Amino acid sequence: MLASCDGATLVGLESQIVRVEVDVMNGIPSFEIVGLPDACVRESRIRVKSAIKNSGFEFPNKRIHVNLAPGDLRKEGASFDFPIALAILEASGQLDYSKPRSFIVAGELSLDGGVREVHGAISIALGAREAGKSFIILPEGNAREAAIVPDLEVYGVSSLCDAVGFLRGSAPLPRVKVDADSILNTDKRIGPDFAEIKGQEHAKRAIEVAAAGGHNLLLIGPPGSGKTMLASRLPSILPPLTLEESLEVTRIHSAAGLIPPGEALVTERPFRSPGCSTTAVGLTGGGQPLPRPGEVSLAHCGVLYLDEITLFNRNALESLRAPLESGSVTIVRSMISVTFPASFSLVASMNPCPCGYLGDVLKDCSCALHAIQKYRSILSGPLFDRIDMHVGVPRLRKEYLRRKSPSEPSSKIRKRVSKARAIQRERLSSEPIYCNAKMSGKMVDRYCTVSSSGESFLADAFDKLGFSARSYHKILKVARTIADLAGSEIIEIEHLAEAVQYRFLDRDDGHAF
């Protein structure tokens, strides 16, 4: 007897509906799966057989053929266990549907008949809605995530028996519903706070500016000066995610299997900090047979932090150029092309020289000039051009460490950052961007209005400090953000003066402090 059931597979972030066709016929008992399955899909034969038997059903002692259509699309993962089992039960006469056949099923089966979570539930739900399906059946741990998608009924099951009873009409299941707005409005933010940092007021101000404008930032200082401590507190001052951003981030993290069971949305901006051994594929995504999102995509709408950036492989660093410019990553394989979102802010740290003590107040540098130049050349010109701000982080003196006066808390800084971002969203509402750092040259000319005295100051700064032409737009973008933090529509001298301080590596001397 022939039967079928609709499942789904992920291609990048998109869900592709897969028709699971099962034919149970007389002959020598066997169980074959065709349709370009990977090893995990082929192994589903063992899981499906045990799950059906241990759930109290009869596994047909016949010849079973399973076809996953379309046949030219690679299928991977254990999400086909569930639809294969249901199709076998229908083909063997053990399942009669009382529900409409317009639904999608996805889930991994355990040997006892339980249903385990799968990756990409929100993408599967979106694909089901776009295909006009009436409802979707998923593991309980994925149900809340999928229920974020409106205009689609979602049901969560814990076992194969639950699903069979529901489809027969003998065991109703409650529809899973989620209020996305209430989840986003619940502030769960905990973690390191800027109030814990003593001194480093200049660096803290730079991080506030970078957060307010979405600027790429390079922190330079000797070992132990607090670069990582500063960067780790950046998430505490970032503005809340909008619902649209939260859905995008959730979709990416779901495809990577990073959504905990029972969770519905990612509510905080991502902060990714990969190690220096991370490869180009690890940063930008890839893999076989179907590509997976890399660190730049997992940092979408948030921050990618590269600690000791000079220790990263040169090819890995160069792979960042395209996503920093376009805000996305396209991975091309022989049979498919996948695009992942990757609009993030890059924050990196490094020592000022190989020994780490150039410009340090307590220890002398032992590096030759050519060694310093070679060390800094690890960051290529094109990559360096994409960094808006470079800030020196000097070592703290003992008197700063002994101070007990409290520093400004993250919550207070976050209010200023959120206010500045709101100003930018309103100003850029007609543009396909959301913050100052993403402005093109034409947008800089349109939105960065400088006072006459500011124009004179900027011209003098370029002449006296030896800035190159490539720094011009960077300084104007950062100055625009500083003006937004100050609530000024016009960029004044004080805003430009502060922005110039954040480009010290462009100066003729090139010293950090």
Protein backbone atom coordinates (compact mmCIF):
# COMPACT_ATOMS: atom_id res chain seq x y z
CA MET A 1 0.00 0.00 0.00
CA LEU A 2 1.19 3.51 -0.82
CA ALA A 3 1.11 6.46 1.61
CA SER A 4 2.77 9.84 1.99
CA CYS A 5 3.46 12.56 4.55
CA ASP A 6 5.07 16.00 4.19
CA GLY A 7 8.30 16.81 6.02
CA ALA A 8 10.86 19.59 5.56
CA THR A 9 14.57 20.19 5.26
CA LEU A 10 16.64 23.35 5.60
CA VAL A 11 18.58 24.88 2.73
CA GLY A 12 20.43 27.72 4.40
CA LEU A 13 17.69 29.52 6.32
CA GLU A 14 14.93 28.50 3.92
CA SER A 15 12.66 25.52 4.47
CA GLN A 16 12.14 23.13 1.58
CA ILE A 17 9.07 20.88 1.78
CA VAL A 18 9.92 17.21 1.22
CA ARG A 19 7.25 14.68 0.31
CA VAL A 20 7.91 11.41 2.17
CA GLU A 21 6.47 8.59 0.05
CA VAL A 22 6.25 5.06 1.48
CA ASP A 23 5.32 1.86 -0.31
CA VAL A 24 4.75 -1.28 1.76
CA MET A 25 4.60 -4.40 -0.44
CA ASN A 26 4.93 -8.14 -0.22
CA GLY A 27 8.38 -9.61 -0.64
CA ILE A 28 11.60 -10.26 1.25
CA PRO A 29 11.56 -7.92 4.31
CA SER A 30 13.74 -4.87 3.71
CA PHE A 31 13.78 -1.13 4.42
CA GLU A 32 15.28 1.15 1.77
CA ILE A 33 15.45 4.97 1.66
CA VAL A 34 16.18 6.86 -1.57
CA GLY A 35 16.21 10.53 -2.54
CA LEU A 36 19.79 11.64 -1.74
CA PRO A 37 19.68 10.92 2.02
CA ASP A 38 22.77 11.51 4.14
CA ALA A 39 24.07 8.98 6.68
CA CYS A 40 21.81 10.34 9.43
CA VAL A 41 18.69 9.94 7.27
CA ARG A 42 19.71 6.40 6.27
CA GLU A 43 20.14 5.51 9.95
CA SER A 44 16.54 6.52 10.56
CA ARG A 45 15.57 2.96 9.57
CA ILE A 46 16.76 1.73 12.97
CA ARG A 47 15.14 4.56 14.94
CA VAL A 48 11.81 4.33 13.07
CA LYS A 49 11.54 0.54 13.42
CA SER A 50 12.23 0.57 17.16
CA ALA A 51 9.99 3.61 17.78
CA ILE A 52 7.02 2.00 16.01
CA LYS A 53 7.40 -1.30 17.89
CA ASN A 54 7.98 0.30 21.30
CA SER A 55 4.98 2.59 20.83
CA GLY A 56 2.65 -0.43 20.66
CA PHE A 57 2.24 -0.55 16.89
CA GLU A 58 3.18 -3.33 14.49
CA PHE A 59 6.12 -2.82 12.20
CA PRO A 60 5.27 -4.45 8.84
CA ASN A 61 7.41 -7.49 8.08
CA LYS A 62 7.41 -6.60 4.41
CA ARG A 63 9.36 -4.84 1.73
CA ILE A 64 9.40 -1.08 2.52
CA HIS A 65 10.53 1.58 0.07
CA VAL A 66 10.84 5.21 1.19
CA ASN A 67 11.31 8.00 -1.34
CA LEU A 68 12.19 11.58 -0.30
CA ALA A 69 11.07 13.96 -3.05
CA PRO A 70 12.39 16.00 -4.75
CA GLY A 71 15.07 13.45 -5.45
CA ASP A 72 17.77 15.91 -6.55
CA LEU A 73 17.88 17.75 -3.20
CA ARG A 74 20.27 16.61 -0.49
CA LYS A 75 18.46 15.53 2.69
CA GLU A 76 20.24 15.64 6.03
CA GLY A 77 19.41 15.38 9.71
CA ALA A 78 17.05 13.27 11.79
CA SER A 79 13.92 15.37 11.22
CA PHE A 80 12.56 12.83 8.70
CA ASP A 81 12.13 10.11 11.35
CA PHE A 82 8.70 11.43 12.32
CA PRO A 83 7.08 11.72 8.85
CA ILE A 84 8.58 8.37 7.76
CA ALA A 85 7.05 6.64 10.78
CA LEU A 86 3.61 8.21 10.18
CA ALA A 87 3.69 7.28 6.49
CA ILE A 88 4.60 3.65 7.34
CA LEU A 89 1.74 3.45 9.84
CA GLU A 90 -0.69 4.77 7.23
CA ALA A 91 0.65 2.46 4.50
CA SER A 92 0.30 -0.55 6.80
CA GLY A 93 -3.31 0.35 7.68
CA GLN A 94 -2.66 1.45 11.28
CA LEU A 95 -3.40 5.17 10.82
CA ASP A 96 -6.56 6.71 9.40
CA TYR A 97 -6.61 10.50 9.25
CA SER A 98 -9.53 12.48 10.64
CA LYS A 99 -7.57 15.71 10.18
CA PRO A 100 -7.03 17.45 6.83
CA ARG A 101 -3.90 16.27 5.05
CA SER A 102 -2.56 19.83 4.74
CA PHE A 103 0.17 19.73 7.39
CA ILE A 104 3.91 19.27 7.90
CA VAL A 105 5.62 17.00 10.42
CA ALA A 106 9.25 17.17 11.63
CA GLY A 107 11.05 15.50 14.50
CA GLU A 108 13.64 12.95 15.54
CA LEU A 109 12.41 9.70 17.09
CA SER A 110 13.99 8.00 20.05
CA LEU A 111 13.96 4.21 20.27
CA ASP A 112 11.12 4.27 22.82
CA GLY A 113 8.88 6.35 20.55
CA GLY A 114 9.61 9.75 22.02
CA VAL A 115 10.02 12.80 19.78
CA ARG A 116 13.18 14.92 20.07
CA GLU A 117 13.82 18.52 18.97
CA VAL A 118 15.18 19.42 15.54
CA HIS A 119 16.98 22.46 14.09
CA GLY A 120 15.25 25.28 12.22
CA ALA A 121 11.72 25.00 13.65
CA ILE A 122 10.88 28.63 12.92
CA SER A 123 12.05 28.28 9.30
CA ILE A 124 10.01 25.09 8.91
CA ALA A 125 6.95 26.93 10.23
CA LEU A 126 7.51 29.84 7.84
CA GLY A 127 7.84 27.40 4.94
CA ALA A 128 4.62 25.65 5.97
CA ARG A 129 2.71 28.94 6.07
CA GLU A 130 4.07 30.03 2.69
CA ALA A 131 3.02 26.67 1.22
CA GLY A 132 -0.54 27.17 2.51
CA LYS A 133 -0.46 24.38 5.10
CA SER A 134 -3.15 24.35 7.80
CA PHE A 135 -1.00 23.26 10.72
CA ILE A 136 2.34 21.81 11.75
CA ILE A 137 3.27 19.09 14.24
CA LEU A 138 6.64 19.43 16.01
CA PRO A 139 8.35 18.16 19.15
CA GLU A 140 7.22 19.96 22.32
CA GLY A 141 10.62 21.60 22.68
CA ASN A 142 10.25 23.27 19.25
CA ALA A 143 6.58 24.24 19.47
CA ARG A 144 6.95 27.65 21.14
CA GLU A 145 9.61 28.68 18.64
CA ALA A 146 7.42 27.74 15.67
CA ALA A 147 4.34 29.37 17.26
CA ILE A 148 5.98 32.78 16.80
CA VAL A 149 4.92 32.53 13.14
CA PRO A 150 1.41 34.04 12.82
CA ASP A 151 -1.48 32.54 10.85
CA LEU A 152 -0.32 28.95 11.38
CA GLU A 153 -1.58 26.38 13.90
CA VAL A 154 1.24 24.69 15.82
CA TYR A 155 0.91 21.52 17.89
CA GLY A 156 3.62 20.04 20.09
CA VAL A 157 3.93 16.31 20.81
CA SER A 158 6.18 14.33 23.11
CA SER A 159 5.73 10.91 21.49
CA LEU A 160 4.67 9.10 18.33
CA CYS A 161 1.53 7.89 20.14
CA ASP A 162 0.47 11.50 20.85
CA ALA A 163 0.75 12.37 17.17
CA VAL A 164 -1.17 9.29 16.02
CA GLY A 165 -3.97 9.94 18.52
CA PHE A 166 -4.21 13.57 17.41
CA LEU A 167 -4.34 12.71 13.70
CA ARG A 168 -6.94 10.01 14.34
CA GLY A 169 -9.03 12.53 16.26
CA SER A 170 -9.06 10.45 19.45
CA ALA A 171 -6.61 12.53 21.50
CA PRO A 172 -6.92 16.32 21.03
CA LEU A 173 -3.86 18.50 21.54
CA PRO A 174 -3.85 22.13 22.69
CA ARG A 175 -2.72 24.63 20.08
CA VAL A 176 0.54 26.31 21.13
CA LYS A 177 0.31 30.10 21.22
CA VAL A 178 3.03 32.66 21.97
CA ASP A 179 2.86 36.43 22.47
CA ALA A 180 6.06 37.75 20.86
CA ASP A 181 5.62 41.29 22.17
CA SER A 182 5.39 40.18 25.80
CA ILE A 183 8.55 38.08 25.42
CA LEU A 184 10.51 41.01 23.97
CA ASN A 185 9.25 43.40 26.64
CA THR A 186 10.49 41.14 29.42
CA ASP A 187 13.99 42.36 30.23
CA LYS A 188 16.10 39.35 31.25
CA ARG A 189 19.39 41.20 30.91
CA ILE A 190 22.01 40.08 33.40
CA GLY A 191 25.77 39.90 33.20
CA PRO A 192 28.86 42.12 33.42
CA ASP A 193 28.16 45.80 34.01
CA PHE A 194 30.19 48.91 33.20
CA ALA A 195 29.83 49.95 36.84
CA GLU A 196 32.42 47.27 37.66
CA ILE A 197 35.15 48.93 35.58
CA LYS A 198 37.44 51.44 37.26
CA GLY A 199 39.00 54.16 35.15
CA GLN A 200 39.30 53.79 31.36
CA GLU A 201 36.80 56.60 30.84
CA HIS A 202 38.11 57.33 27.34
CA ALA A 203 37.70 53.68 26.26
CA LYS A 204 34.25 53.41 27.85
CA ARG A 205 33.15 56.52 25.99
CA ALA A 206 34.46 55.04 22.72
CA ILE A 207 32.47 51.85 23.30
CA GLU A 208 29.36 53.93 23.96
CA VAL A 209 29.85 55.76 20.65
CA ALA A 210 30.47 52.48 18.82
CA ALA A 211 27.31 50.96 20.30
CA ALA A 212 25.22 54.03 19.47
CA GLY A 213 26.26 54.12 15.80
CA GLY A 214 26.98 50.43 15.12
CA HIS A 215 30.62 51.28 14.37
CA ASN A 216 33.46 48.79 14.03
CA LEU A 217 35.99 49.28 16.83
CA LEU A 218 39.62 48.29 17.43
CA LEU A 219 40.94 48.36 21.01
CA ILE A 220 44.74 48.60 21.30
CA GLY A 221 46.65 48.30 24.54
CA PRO A 222 49.25 46.33 26.52
CA PRO A 223 48.44 42.98 28.16
CA GLY A 224 46.24 43.34 31.22
CA SER A 225 44.91 46.79 30.36
CA GLY A 226 41.30 45.59 30.32
CA LYS A 227 40.48 45.29 26.60
CA THR A 228 38.52 42.06 26.95
CA MET A 229 36.81 43.28 30.11
CA LEU A 230 35.60 46.37 28.26
CA ALA A 231 34.43 44.45 25.19
CA SER A 232 32.55 41.84 27.25
CA ARG A 233 30.39 44.59 28.72
CA LEU A 234 29.33 45.96 25.36
CA PRO A 235 26.15 43.80 25.22
CA SER A 236 24.91 45.46 28.41
CA ILE A 237 24.53 48.84 26.65
CA LEU A 238 23.20 47.74 23.26
CA PRO A 239 19.59 48.77 22.50
CA PRO A 240 16.86 46.11 22.62
CA LEU A 241 16.10 44.05 19.54
CA THR A 242 13.05 45.01 17.51
CA LEU A 243 10.57 42.23 16.70
CA GLU A 244 11.81 42.05 13.10
CA GLU A 245 15.43 41.80 14.23
CA SER A 246 14.55 39.20 16.86
CA LEU A 247 12.85 37.00 14.27
CA GLU A 248 15.89 37.20 11.98
CA VAL A 249 18.31 36.36 14.79
CA THR A 250 16.10 33.52 16.05
CA ARG A 251 15.92 32.03 12.57
CA ILE A 252 19.71 31.98 12.24
CA HIS A 253 20.32 30.55 15.71
CA SER A 254 17.59 27.96 15.20
CA ALA A 255 19.22 26.75 11.97
CA ALA A 256 22.47 26.38 13.92
CA GLY A 257 20.74 24.45 16.72
CA LEU A 258 21.38 27.11 19.36
CA ILE A 259 17.80 27.68 20.57
CA PRO A 260 17.25 25.91 23.93
CA PRO A 261 14.19 23.60 24.06
CA GLY A 262 11.07 25.49 25.11
CA GLU A 263 12.41 28.91 24.13
CA ALA A 264 10.56 31.01 21.56
CA LEU A 265 12.72 34.01 20.65
CA VAL A 266 16.25 35.34 20.97
CA THR A 267 15.62 38.53 22.94
CA GLU A 268 19.18 39.87 23.34
CA ARG A 269 21.56 41.11 20.69
CA PRO A 270 24.15 38.39 19.97
CA PHE A 271 27.73 38.72 21.21
CA ARG A 272 30.00 36.16 19.56
CA SER A 273 33.63 35.72 20.54
CA PRO A 274 35.28 32.92 18.51
CA GLY A 275 38.80 31.74 19.34
CA CYS A 276 41.85 32.63 17.27
CA SER A 277 41.97 29.13 15.77
CA THR A 278 38.65 29.69 13.99
CA THR A 279 38.92 29.07 10.25
CA ALA A 280 37.44 31.11 7.41
CA VAL A 281 34.60 28.57 7.15
CA GLY A 282 33.98 28.87 10.88
CA LEU A 283 33.74 32.66 10.58
CA THR A 284 31.66 33.03 7.43
CA GLY A 285 29.84 29.67 7.27
CA GLY A 286 29.87 26.62 5.05
CA GLY A 287 30.17 22.88 5.48
CA GLN A 288 28.90 19.82 3.61
CA PRO A 289 26.52 18.78 2.25
CA LEU A 290 24.36 21.82 3.10
CA PRO A 291 26.02 25.03 4.37
CA ARG A 292 25.53 26.19 7.96
CA PRO A 293 25.76 29.77 9.30
CA GLY A 294 29.14 30.93 10.60
CA GLU A 295 30.09 33.32 13.37
CA VAL A 296 29.40 36.44 11.30
CA SER A 297 25.80 35.30 10.78
CA LEU A 298 25.39 34.23 14.40
CA ALA A 299 26.46 37.79 15.29
CA HIS A 300 23.77 39.30 13.01
CA CYS A 301 22.22 42.41 14.62
CA GLY A 302 24.88 42.19 17.34
CA VAL A 303 28.63 42.12 17.89
CA LEU A 304 31.47 39.90 16.68
CA TYR A 305 34.42 40.21 19.06
CA LEU A 306 37.87 39.03 17.95
CA ASP A 307 40.24 38.99 20.91
CA GLU A 308 43.90 39.34 19.87
CA ILE A 309 42.95 39.72 16.24
CA THR A 310 46.59 39.47 15.08
CA LEU A 311 46.63 35.79 16.13
CA PHE A 312 43.88 34.87 13.67
CA ASN A 313 44.71 33.26 10.35
CA ARG A 314 45.17 35.83 7.59
CA ASN A 315 42.72 34.06 5.27
CA ALA A 316 40.11 33.95 8.02
CA LEU A 317 40.44 37.70 8.58
CA GLU A 318 40.23 38.46 4.88
CA SER A 319 36.97 36.49 4.70
CA LEU A 320 35.39 39.20 6.86
CA ARG A 321 35.73 41.85 4.15
CA ALA A 322 32.65 40.87 2.14
CA PRO A 323 30.18 40.59 5.06
CA LEU A 324 31.47 43.83 6.58
CA GLU A 325 30.75 45.57 3.29
CA SER A 326 27.49 43.92 2.20
CA GLY A 327 25.92 42.73 5.46
CA SER A 328 25.45 39.19 4.13
CA VAL A 329 27.37 36.03 3.20
CA THR A 330 26.74 34.03 0.03
CA ILE A 331 28.03 30.45 -0.08
CA VAL A 332 28.05 28.75 -3.48
CA ARG A 333 28.18 24.99 -3.94
CA SER A 334 27.92 22.95 -7.12
CA MET A 335 24.17 22.43 -6.75
CA ILE A 336 23.00 25.24 -4.45
CA SER A 337 23.67 28.85 -3.49
CA VAL A 338 22.84 29.99 0.05
CA THR A 339 22.79 33.53 1.49
CA PHE A 340 22.96 34.20 5.23
CA PRO A 341 22.38 37.63 6.84
CA ALA A 342 25.54 39.03 8.48
CA SER A 343 24.99 42.65 9.51
CA PHE A 344 27.12 43.00 12.64
CA SER A 345 29.51 45.34 14.41
CA LEU A 346 33.12 44.17 14.56
CA VAL A 347 35.00 44.77 17.82
CA ALA A 348 38.61 43.58 17.97
CA SER A 349 41.55 43.92 20.32
CA MET A 350 45.30 43.74 19.82
CA ASN A 351 48.60 44.73 21.40
CA PRO A 352 50.32 47.86 20.05
CA CYS A 353 53.43 45.85 19.11
CA PRO A 354 54.79 42.28 19.25
CA CYS A 355 56.01 42.59 22.85
CA GLY A 356 52.84 44.48 23.78
CA TYR A 357 54.38 47.44 25.60
CA LEU A 358 54.72 50.23 23.02
CA GLY A 359 53.72 53.43 24.78
CA ASP A 360 53.22 51.69 28.14
CA VAL A 361 53.85 53.88 31.20
CA LEU A 362 55.33 51.06 33.30
CA LYS A 363 57.36 48.92 30.89
CA ASP A 364 59.57 49.81 27.93
CA CYS A 365 58.99 48.41 24.46
CA SER A 366 61.79 46.20 23.06
CA CYS A 367 60.51 45.99 19.47
CA ALA A 368 62.29 47.38 16.41
CA LEU A 369 60.34 49.69 14.11
CA HIS A 370 60.20 47.16 11.25
CA ALA A 371 58.87 44.51 13.69
CA ILE A 372 56.06 46.86 14.74
CA GLN A 373 55.18 47.61 11.13
CA LYS A 374 55.16 43.91 10.23
CA TYR A 375 53.00 43.12 13.25
CA ARG A 376 50.39 45.73 12.35
CA SER A 377 50.40 44.74 8.68
CA ILE A 378 48.62 41.51 9.64
CA LEU A 379 45.50 43.64 9.29
CA SER A 380 45.38 44.28 5.55
CA GLY A 381 44.55 47.71 4.18
CA PRO A 382 41.09 46.72 2.88
CA LEU A 383 40.14 45.18 6.24
CA PHE A 384 41.61 48.09 8.19
CA ASP A 385 39.56 50.50 6.03
CA ARG A 386 36.39 48.87 7.35
CA ILE A 387 37.21 49.70 10.99
CA ASP A 388 35.71 53.06 11.98
CA MET A 389 37.40 53.63 15.33
CA HIS A 390 40.74 52.66 16.90
CA VAL A 391 41.16 53.45 20.57
CA GLY A 392 44.10 53.15 22.92
CA VAL A 393 43.51 51.32 26.20
CA PRO A 394 46.46 52.18 28.52
CA ARG A 395 47.35 50.23 31.62
CA LEU A 396 45.74 51.62 34.79
CA ARG A 397 47.87 53.11 37.54
CA LYS A 398 47.53 51.85 41.11
CA GLU A 399 45.67 54.94 42.30
CA TYR A 400 42.80 54.16 39.89
CA LEU A 401 42.54 50.58 41.13
CA ARG A 402 42.23 51.76 44.75
CA ARG A 403 39.38 54.15 44.05
CA LYS A 404 36.04 53.07 45.52
CA SER A 405 33.78 55.64 43.83
CA PRO A 406 31.19 53.84 41.67
CA SER A 407 31.35 54.10 37.89
CA GLU A 408 28.36 54.82 35.67
CA PRO A 409 26.13 51.71 35.33
CA SER A 410 25.31 50.09 32.01
CA SER A 411 21.59 50.86 32.37
CA LYS A 412 22.27 54.61 32.26
CA ILE A 413 24.58 54.32 29.24
CA ARG A 414 22.07 52.10 27.49
CA LYS A 415 19.38 54.80 27.70
CA ARG A 416 21.65 57.24 25.85
CA VAL A 417 22.53 54.61 23.25
CA SER A 418 18.88 53.70 22.68
CA LYS A 419 17.95 57.37 22.32
CA ALA A 420 20.69 57.91 19.72
CA ARG A 421 19.61 54.80 17.79
CA ALA A 422 16.02 56.08 17.75
CA ILE A 423 17.23 59.36 16.23
CA GLN A 424 19.11 57.43 13.54
CA ARG A 425 16.13 55.20 12.72
CA GLU A 426 13.96 58.26 12.20
CA ARG A 427 16.57 60.04 10.07
CA LEU A 428 17.32 56.95 7.97
CA SER A 429 13.71 55.74 7.72
CA SER A 430 13.77 56.12 3.92
CA GLU A 431 17.06 54.21 3.61
CA PRO A 432 17.67 50.41 3.75
CA ILE A 433 19.91 50.83 6.84
CA TYR A 434 19.35 51.43 10.54
CA CYS A 435 22.49 53.08 11.93
CA ASN A 436 25.16 55.63 11.03
CA ALA A 437 27.93 53.10 10.44
CA LYS A 438 26.10 51.66 7.42
CA MET A 439 25.84 55.00 5.58
CA SER A 440 27.26 55.16 2.05
CA GLY A 441 29.29 58.11 0.79
CA LYS A 442 26.19 59.66 -0.74
CA MET A 443 24.30 59.28 2.54
CA VAL A 444 27.18 60.89 4.45
CA ASP A 445 26.93 63.94 2.20
CA ARG A 446 23.17 64.06 2.71
CA TYR A 447 22.89 63.48 6.47
CA CYS A 448 26.18 64.73 7.94
CA THR A 449 25.71 68.48 8.01
CA VAL A 450 28.82 70.17 9.45
CA SER A 451 28.95 73.73 10.79
CA SER A 452 31.23 76.22 9.02
CA SER A 453 33.64 76.28 11.97
CA GLY A 454 33.60 72.47 11.96
CA GLU A 455 34.56 72.39 8.27
CA SER A 456 37.59 74.58 9.01
CA PHE A 457 38.59 72.40 11.95
CA LEU A 458 38.35 69.23 9.87
CA ALA A 459 40.49 70.71 7.11
CA ASP A 460 43.17 71.72 9.63
CA ALA A 461 43.09 68.28 11.27
CA PHE A 462 43.74 66.55 7.95
CA ASP A 463 46.68 68.81 7.20
CA LYS A 464 48.33 68.72 10.63
CA LEU A 465 47.74 65.09 11.59
CA GLY A 466 48.40 63.55 8.20
CA PHE A 467 45.06 61.79 7.76
CA SER A 468 44.40 60.11 4.45
CA ALA A 469 41.32 60.57 2.30
CA ARG A 470 39.95 57.20 3.43
CA SER A 471 39.52 58.58 6.95
CA TYR A 472 37.22 61.41 5.88
CA HIS A 473 33.94 59.48 5.78
CA LYS A 474 34.87 57.45 8.87
CA ILE A 475 35.36 60.60 10.92
CA LEU A 476 32.12 62.13 9.66
CA LYS A 477 30.11 58.97 10.46
CA VAL A 478 31.52 58.79 13.99
CA ALA A 479 31.00 62.53 14.48
CA ARG A 480 27.39 62.11 13.34
CA THR A 481 26.89 59.50 16.07
CA ILE A 482 28.54 61.72 18.70
CA ALA A 483 26.21 64.56 17.66
CA ASP A 484 23.23 62.20 17.96
CA LEU A 485 24.30 61.29 21.50
CA ALA A 486 24.42 65.01 22.25
CA GLY A 487 21.03 65.61 20.60
CA SER A 488 22.50 67.96 17.98
CA GLU A 489 21.31 68.01 14.38
CA ILE A 490 24.44 69.88 13.23
CA ILE A 491 27.91 68.37 13.62
CA GLU A 492 29.97 70.89 15.63
CA ILE A 493 33.71 71.26 16.34
CA GLU A 494 33.50 69.31 19.62
CA HIS A 495 31.91 66.33 17.85
CA LEU A 496 34.58 66.31 15.16
CA ALA A 497 37.37 66.73 17.71
CA GLU A 498 36.23 63.64 19.58
CA ALA A 499 35.85 61.66 16.36
CA VAL A 500 39.41 62.59 15.32
CA GLN A 501 40.71 61.10 18.59
CA TYR A 502 39.35 57.73 17.54
CA ARG A 503 41.58 57.54 14.43
CA PHE A 504 45.03 57.58 16.02
CA LEU A 505 46.48 54.83 13.80
CA ASP A 506 45.92 57.09 10.80
CA ARG A 507 48.19 59.76 12.22
CA ASP A 508 51.77 60.20 11.08
CA ASP A 509 53.17 59.06 14.45
CA GLY A 510 50.83 56.05 14.76
CA HIS A 511 51.41 55.71 18.53
CA ALA A 512 48.73 54.28 20.75
CA PHE A 513 49.03 56.55 23.78
